[in-house]
Amino acid sequence: MKKMRVFLLSTILCASFITPCWASNALIPSSEIVLRDVSTRAEVTKWYYRNHEGVKQKRLWSVTYGYWKTEWMPV
């Protein structure tokens, strides 16, 4: 009889520790899980210079996205 009580007590104790872990993972919405993995980083840009018909000009290139951000403008 004493062994049966110890067995039942240990089973209930183990079940009480395991159940909250399953419940806590099941209650997290999938959108929150995705947002945890997203990291924000700054865009990397680079200025390019040229001499066009005797006028020094510059233009901004987005290294991150691969396109020109500005037109040629005089310096």
N, C-alpha and C. Protein backbone atom coordinates (compact mmCIF):
# COMPACT_ATOMS: atom_id res chain seq x y z
N MET A 1 0.82 -1.19 0.00
CA MET A 1 0.00 0.00 0.00
C MET A 1 0.87 1.26 0.00
N LYS A 2 1.96 1.23 0.75
CA LYS A 2 2.84 2.39 0.82
C LYS A 2 3.53 2.62 -0.53
N LYS A 3 3.88 1.52 -1.21
CA LYS A 3 4.51 1.65 -2.51
C LYS A 3 3.55 2.27 -3.52
N MET A 4 2.27 1.92 -3.41
CA MET A 4 1.26 2.45 -4.31
C MET A 4 1.09 3.95 -4.11
N ARG A 5 1.12 4.43 -2.88
CA ARG A 5 1.00 5.85 -2.58
C ARG A 5 2.20 6.61 -3.13
N VAL A 6 3.39 6.07 -2.92
CA VAL A 6 4.61 6.71 -3.41
C VAL A 6 4.58 6.79 -4.94
N PHE A 7 4.13 5.71 -5.57
CA PHE A 7 4.05 5.67 -7.03
C PHE A 7 3.05 6.71 -7.54
N LEU A 8 1.86 6.79 -6.95
CA LEU A 8 0.86 7.75 -7.38
C LEU A 8 1.32 9.19 -7.13
N LEU A 9 1.93 9.43 -5.99
CA LEU A 9 2.43 10.76 -5.67
C LEU A 9 3.51 11.21 -6.66
N SER A 10 4.44 10.30 -6.96
CA SER A 10 5.50 10.65 -7.90
C SER A 10 4.95 10.86 -9.31
N THR A 11 3.94 10.09 -9.71
CA THR A 11 3.32 10.26 -11.02
C THR A 11 2.62 11.61 -11.12
N ILE A 12 1.86 11.97 -10.09
CA ILE A 12 1.17 13.26 -10.08
C ILE A 12 2.17 14.40 -10.08
N LEU A 13 3.25 14.25 -9.32
CA LEU A 13 4.27 15.29 -9.26
C LEU A 13 4.95 15.49 -10.62
N CYS A 14 5.30 14.40 -11.27
CA CYS A 14 5.91 14.50 -12.60
C CYS A 14 4.96 15.11 -13.62
N ALA A 15 3.70 14.72 -13.57
CA ALA A 15 2.71 15.26 -14.51
C ALA A 15 2.51 16.75 -14.30
N SER A 16 2.59 17.21 -13.06
CA SER A 16 2.40 18.64 -12.81
C SER A 16 3.56 19.48 -13.34
N PHE A 17 4.75 18.92 -13.43
CA PHE A 17 5.89 19.65 -13.98
C PHE A 17 5.89 19.64 -15.51
N ILE A 18 5.43 18.59 -16.12
CA ILE A 18 5.48 18.45 -17.57
C ILE A 18 4.34 19.23 -18.24
N THR A 19 3.16 19.22 -17.70
CA THR A 19 1.99 19.83 -18.32
C THR A 19 2.15 21.33 -18.57
N PRO A 20 2.66 22.14 -17.64
CA PRO A 20 2.78 23.57 -17.94
C PRO A 20 3.71 23.86 -19.13
N CYS A 21 4.70 23.04 -19.37
CA CYS A 21 5.59 23.26 -20.51
C CYS A 21 4.82 23.11 -21.81
N TRP A 22 3.99 22.09 -21.93
CA TRP A 22 3.20 21.91 -23.14
C TRP A 22 2.20 23.05 -23.30
N ALA A 23 1.58 23.43 -22.20
CA ALA A 23 0.57 24.47 -22.27
C ALA A 23 1.19 25.81 -22.65
N SER A 24 2.36 26.14 -22.14
CA SER A 24 2.95 27.43 -22.44
C SER A 24 3.36 27.54 -23.90
N ASN A 25 3.84 26.47 -24.52
CA ASN A 25 4.20 26.50 -25.93
C ASN A 25 2.97 26.54 -26.82
N ALA A 26 1.91 25.90 -26.41
CA ALA A 26 0.70 25.86 -27.22
C ALA A 26 -0.03 27.19 -27.22
N LEU A 27 0.14 28.01 -26.21
CA LEU A 27 -0.60 29.26 -26.10
C LEU A 27 0.07 30.43 -26.82
N ILE A 28 1.29 30.27 -27.31
CA ILE A 28 1.98 31.35 -28.00
C ILE A 28 1.47 31.42 -29.44
N PRO A 29 0.93 32.57 -29.86
CA PRO A 29 0.47 32.69 -31.25
C PRO A 29 1.65 32.57 -32.22
N SER A 30 1.39 32.05 -33.40
CA SER A 30 2.45 31.85 -34.37
C SER A 30 3.07 33.18 -34.80
N SER A 31 2.32 34.29 -34.79
CA SER A 31 2.88 35.58 -35.19
C SER A 31 3.96 36.04 -34.21
N GLU A 32 3.82 35.75 -32.93
CA GLU A 32 4.84 36.13 -31.96
C GLU A 32 6.11 35.34 -32.16
N ILE A 33 5.99 34.08 -32.52
CA ILE A 33 7.17 33.25 -32.75
C ILE A 33 7.96 33.78 -33.93
N VAL A 34 7.29 34.20 -34.98
CA VAL A 34 7.96 34.74 -36.15
C VAL A 34 8.64 36.06 -35.81
N LEU A 35 7.99 36.91 -35.03
CA LEU A 35 8.55 38.22 -34.70
C LEU A 35 9.81 38.11 -33.85
N ARG A 36 9.95 37.06 -33.09
CA ARG A 36 11.15 36.90 -32.27
C ARG A 36 12.38 36.67 -33.14
N ASP A 37 12.20 36.05 -34.31
CA ASP A 37 13.33 35.72 -35.17
C ASP A 37 13.73 36.87 -36.10
N VAL A 38 12.94 37.92 -36.17
CA VAL A 38 13.22 39.04 -37.07
C VAL A 38 14.17 40.01 -36.39
N SER A 39 15.20 40.39 -37.09
CA SER A 39 16.12 41.39 -36.55
C SER A 39 16.17 42.58 -37.51
N THR A 40 16.15 43.78 -36.97
CA THR A 40 16.16 44.99 -37.77
C THR A 40 17.60 45.43 -37.98
N ARG A 41 17.92 45.72 -39.22
CA ARG A 41 19.26 46.19 -39.55
C ARG A 41 19.16 47.43 -40.42
N ALA A 42 20.16 48.28 -40.33
CA ALA A 42 20.17 49.52 -41.10
C ALA A 42 20.54 49.23 -42.55
N GLU A 43 20.01 50.06 -43.44
CA GLU A 43 20.33 49.94 -44.85
C GLU A 43 21.75 50.47 -45.09
N VAL A 44 22.50 49.78 -45.93
CA VAL A 44 23.87 50.19 -46.25
C VAL A 44 23.84 50.93 -47.58
N THR A 45 24.40 52.15 -47.60
CA THR A 45 24.44 52.96 -48.81
C THR A 45 25.86 53.41 -49.09
N LYS A 46 26.11 53.79 -50.36
CA LYS A 46 27.44 54.25 -50.75
C LYS A 46 27.29 55.36 -51.78
N TRP A 47 28.07 56.43 -51.61
CA TRP A 47 28.06 57.54 -52.56
C TRP A 47 29.05 57.24 -53.68
N TYR A 48 28.63 57.49 -54.93
CA TYR A 48 29.52 57.38 -56.10
C TYR A 48 29.68 58.78 -56.69
N TYR A 49 30.91 59.08 -57.12
CA TYR A 49 31.23 60.40 -57.66
C TYR A 49 31.70 60.26 -59.09
N ARG A 50 31.47 61.33 -59.91
CA ARG A 50 31.97 61.37 -61.27
C ARG A 50 32.16 62.82 -61.69
N ASN A 51 32.97 63.01 -62.71
CA ASN A 51 33.11 64.31 -63.37
C ASN A 51 32.39 64.20 -64.71
N HIS A 52 31.31 64.95 -64.86
CA HIS A 52 30.52 64.93 -66.09
C HIS A 52 30.52 66.33 -66.69
N GLU A 53 31.20 66.46 -67.84
CA GLU A 53 31.33 67.75 -68.54
C GLU A 53 31.89 68.82 -67.62
N GLY A 54 32.91 68.46 -66.86
CA GLY A 54 33.60 69.41 -65.99
C GLY A 54 32.90 69.70 -64.67
N VAL A 55 31.79 69.04 -64.40
CA VAL A 55 31.04 69.25 -63.16
C VAL A 55 31.14 67.98 -62.32
N LYS A 56 31.58 68.15 -61.07
CA LYS A 56 31.65 67.00 -60.18
C LYS A 56 30.25 66.68 -59.67
N GLN A 57 29.84 65.39 -59.80
CA GLN A 57 28.50 64.97 -59.40
C GLN A 57 28.58 63.77 -58.46
N LYS A 58 27.49 63.56 -57.71
CA LYS A 58 27.43 62.39 -56.83
C LYS A 58 26.05 61.74 -56.95
N ARG A 59 26.02 60.43 -56.61
CA ARG A 59 24.78 59.66 -56.67
C ARG A 59 24.82 58.60 -55.57
N LEU A 60 23.69 58.37 -54.92
CA LEU A 60 23.63 57.45 -53.78
C LEU A 60 23.13 56.08 -54.24
N TRP A 61 23.91 55.01 -53.92
CA TRP A 61 23.59 53.63 -54.27
C TRP A 61 23.23 52.87 -53.01
N SER A 62 22.15 52.09 -53.05
CA SER A 62 21.75 51.23 -51.94
C SER A 62 22.43 49.88 -52.10
N VAL A 63 23.42 49.61 -51.27
CA VAL A 63 24.13 48.33 -51.32
C VAL A 63 23.20 47.21 -50.87
N THR A 64 22.34 47.49 -49.91
CA THR A 64 21.44 46.49 -49.35
C THR A 64 20.43 46.00 -50.39
N TYR A 65 19.79 46.94 -51.09
CA TYR A 65 18.71 46.57 -52.00
C TYR A 65 19.12 46.57 -53.47
N GLY A 66 20.27 47.15 -53.81
CA GLY A 66 20.78 47.09 -55.17
C GLY A 66 20.11 48.02 -56.16
N TYR A 67 19.84 49.26 -55.77
CA TYR A 67 19.28 50.24 -56.71
C TYR A 67 19.77 51.64 -56.34
N TRP A 68 19.67 52.57 -57.33
CA TRP A 68 20.05 53.96 -57.10
C TRP A 68 18.96 54.64 -56.29
N LYS A 69 19.36 55.36 -55.25
CA LYS A 69 18.40 56.07 -54.41
C LYS A 69 18.21 57.51 -54.85
N THR A 70 19.19 58.07 -55.58
CA THR A 70 19.09 59.44 -56.04
C THR A 70 19.56 59.51 -57.50
N GLU A 71 19.28 60.65 -58.12
CA GLU A 71 19.81 60.94 -59.46
C GLU A 71 21.17 61.62 -59.28
N TRP A 72 21.88 61.80 -60.38
CA TRP A 72 23.16 62.52 -60.31
C TRP A 72 22.88 63.96 -59.92
N MET A 73 23.60 64.47 -58.94
CA MET A 73 23.43 65.86 -58.50
C MET A 73 24.81 66.50 -58.36
N PRO A 74 24.89 67.80 -58.65
CA PRO A 74 26.18 68.49 -58.52
C PRO A 74 26.63 68.59 -57.07
N VAL A 75 27.94 68.53 -56.91
CA VAL A 75 28.51 68.61 -55.56
C VAL A 75 28.89 70.04 -55.27
